[in-house]
Amino acid sequence: QVQLVESGGGLVQAGGSLRLSCAASGFTFSTHAMSWYRQAPGKERELVAVTTSAGGSTNLADSVKGRFTISRDNAKNTVYLQMNSLKPEDTAVYYCHTSYLWHQYWGQGTQVTVSS
């Protein structure tokens, strides 16, 4: 059974930092790409960052380039999202995501709130 469990969200002032973690289980983590998405109130869910299985290649949304970093530790079955220089518009629920055996899997989400 695939499980994705996010942690690390919270309330932070603009300009601050947070590090999100997503602990994965139920599949071979090291052979699957992992992604972070976010969904702000009244908006569609959007892709924030993605990393390949070995972590050698990453891609970030233009809105977070230069501020966010995605990384993974395959020994710990965990993917991270380091968020620096946070802005109020980064406020959203952040979700961990993977695709396994043609199914999409999501975590429960973690709330990030950035105050101005």
Protein backbone atom coordinates (compact mmCIF):
# COMPACT_ATOMS: atom_id res chain seq x y z
CA GLN A 1 0.00 0.00 0.00
CA VAL A 2 1.52 3.26 -1.15
CA GLN A 3 1.67 5.94 1.52
CA LEU A 4 2.99 9.48 1.33
CA VAL A 5 3.13 11.46 4.56
CA GLU A 6 4.07 15.13 4.49
CA SER A 7 5.34 17.18 7.40
CA GLY A 8 7.04 20.48 8.07
CA GLY A 9 4.37 23.00 7.19
CA GLY A 10 3.44 25.91 9.39
CA LEU A 11 3.12 29.66 9.75
CA VAL A 12 6.08 31.79 8.78
CA GLN A 13 6.69 35.46 8.07
CA ALA A 14 7.49 36.68 4.60
CA GLY A 15 11.18 36.17 3.88
CA GLY A 16 11.37 33.14 6.12
CA SER A 17 12.11 29.51 5.36
CA LEU A 18 10.48 26.14 5.81
CA ARG A 19 11.53 22.61 4.93
CA LEU A 20 8.86 20.15 3.95
CA SER A 21 9.40 16.40 4.14
CA CYS A 22 7.52 13.55 2.54
CA ALA A 23 8.07 10.04 3.86
CA ALA A 24 7.16 7.38 1.32
CA SER A 25 6.39 3.69 1.73
CA GLY A 26 4.77 0.81 -0.12
CA PHE A 27 6.78 1.02 -3.31
CA THR A 28 10.38 1.12 -4.50
CA PHE A 29 11.07 4.75 -3.76
CA SER A 30 14.48 4.90 -5.39
CA THR A 31 13.13 4.06 -8.85
CA HIS A 32 10.33 6.62 -8.98
CA ALA A 33 10.18 10.31 -9.69
CA MET A 34 8.69 12.41 -6.90
CA SER A 35 6.92 15.75 -7.06
CA TRP A 36 5.59 18.53 -4.89
CA TYR A 37 2.35 20.29 -5.79
CA ARG A 38 0.46 23.05 -4.05
CA GLN A 39 -3.08 24.32 -3.99
CA ALA A 40 -4.07 27.76 -2.78
CA PRO A 41 -7.66 28.59 -1.80
CA GLY A 42 -9.83 29.01 -4.88
CA LYS A 43 -7.05 27.95 -7.24
CA GLU A 44 -6.16 24.78 -9.07
CA ARG A 45 -3.46 22.47 -7.84
CA GLU A 46 -0.14 23.34 -9.48
CA LEU A 47 3.17 21.57 -9.90
CA VAL A 48 5.92 23.15 -7.83
CA ALA A 49 8.90 20.83 -8.20
CA VAL A 50 9.85 17.40 -9.47
CA THR A 51 12.90 15.21 -9.05
CA THR A 52 13.92 12.11 -11.00
CA SER A 53 14.43 8.78 -9.29
CA ALA A 54 18.13 9.27 -8.62
CA GLY A 55 17.72 12.96 -7.93
CA GLY A 56 20.08 13.87 -10.70
CA SER A 57 17.57 16.04 -12.46
CA THR A 58 15.10 18.46 -10.96
CA ASN A 59 12.61 20.92 -12.33
CA LEU A 60 10.98 23.85 -10.61
CA ALA A 61 8.04 26.08 -11.46
CA ASP A 62 9.12 29.53 -12.62
CA SER A 63 7.39 31.09 -9.64
CA VAL A 64 9.71 29.34 -7.18
CA LYS A 65 13.00 29.15 -9.09
CA GLY A 66 15.87 30.57 -7.09
CA ARG A 67 13.91 30.18 -3.82
CA PHE A 68 12.87 26.53 -3.56
CA THR A 69 14.95 23.38 -3.84
CA ILE A 70 13.74 19.81 -4.16
CA SER A 71 15.93 16.96 -3.01
CA ARG A 72 15.61 13.34 -1.97
CA ASP A 73 17.29 10.79 0.25
CA ASN A 74 16.70 7.37 -1.24
CA ALA A 75 18.17 5.67 1.84
CA LYS A 76 15.41 7.28 3.93
CA ASN A 77 12.62 7.06 1.33
CA THR A 78 12.09 10.77 1.80
CA VAL A 79 11.76 13.75 -0.52
CA TYR A 80 12.24 17.31 0.68
CA LEU A 81 11.21 20.76 -0.39
CA GLN A 82 13.39 23.53 0.99
CA MET A 83 11.56 26.82 0.71
CA ASN A 84 13.47 30.07 1.22
CA SER A 85 12.50 33.71 0.82
CA LEU A 86 8.87 32.77 1.25
CA LYS A 87 6.20 35.14 -0.01
CA PRO A 88 2.52 35.48 0.96
CA GLU A 89 1.60 34.08 -2.45
CA ASP A 90 3.31 30.83 -1.49
CA THR A 91 0.50 30.22 1.00
CA ALA A 92 -1.12 26.91 0.07
CA VAL A 93 -1.54 23.30 1.00
CA TYR A 94 1.51 21.42 -0.26
CA TYR A 95 1.16 17.85 -1.49
CA CYS A 96 3.67 15.13 -2.18
CA HIS A 97 2.96 13.07 -5.31
CA THR A 98 4.16 10.04 -7.20
CA SER A 99 2.93 7.80 -9.97
CA TYR A 100 3.19 4.05 -9.42
CA LEU A 101 1.85 1.30 -11.61
CA TRP A 102 -0.23 3.80 -13.59
CA HIS A 103 -1.90 5.17 -10.47
CA GLN A 104 -1.47 8.64 -9.00
CA TYR A 105 -0.76 8.87 -5.29
CA TRP A 106 -1.00 11.93 -3.07
CA GLY A 107 -0.18 12.67 0.52
CA GLN A 108 -2.68 14.29 2.86
CA GLY A 109 -1.07 17.68 2.41
CA THR A 110 0.62 20.11 4.77
CA GLN A 111 -0.46 23.73 5.20
CA VAL A 112 2.04 26.50 4.58
CA THR A 113 0.95 30.00 5.54
CA VAL A 114 3.17 33.01 4.87
CA SER A 115 2.21 36.22 6.62
CA SER A 116 3.11 39.62 5.23
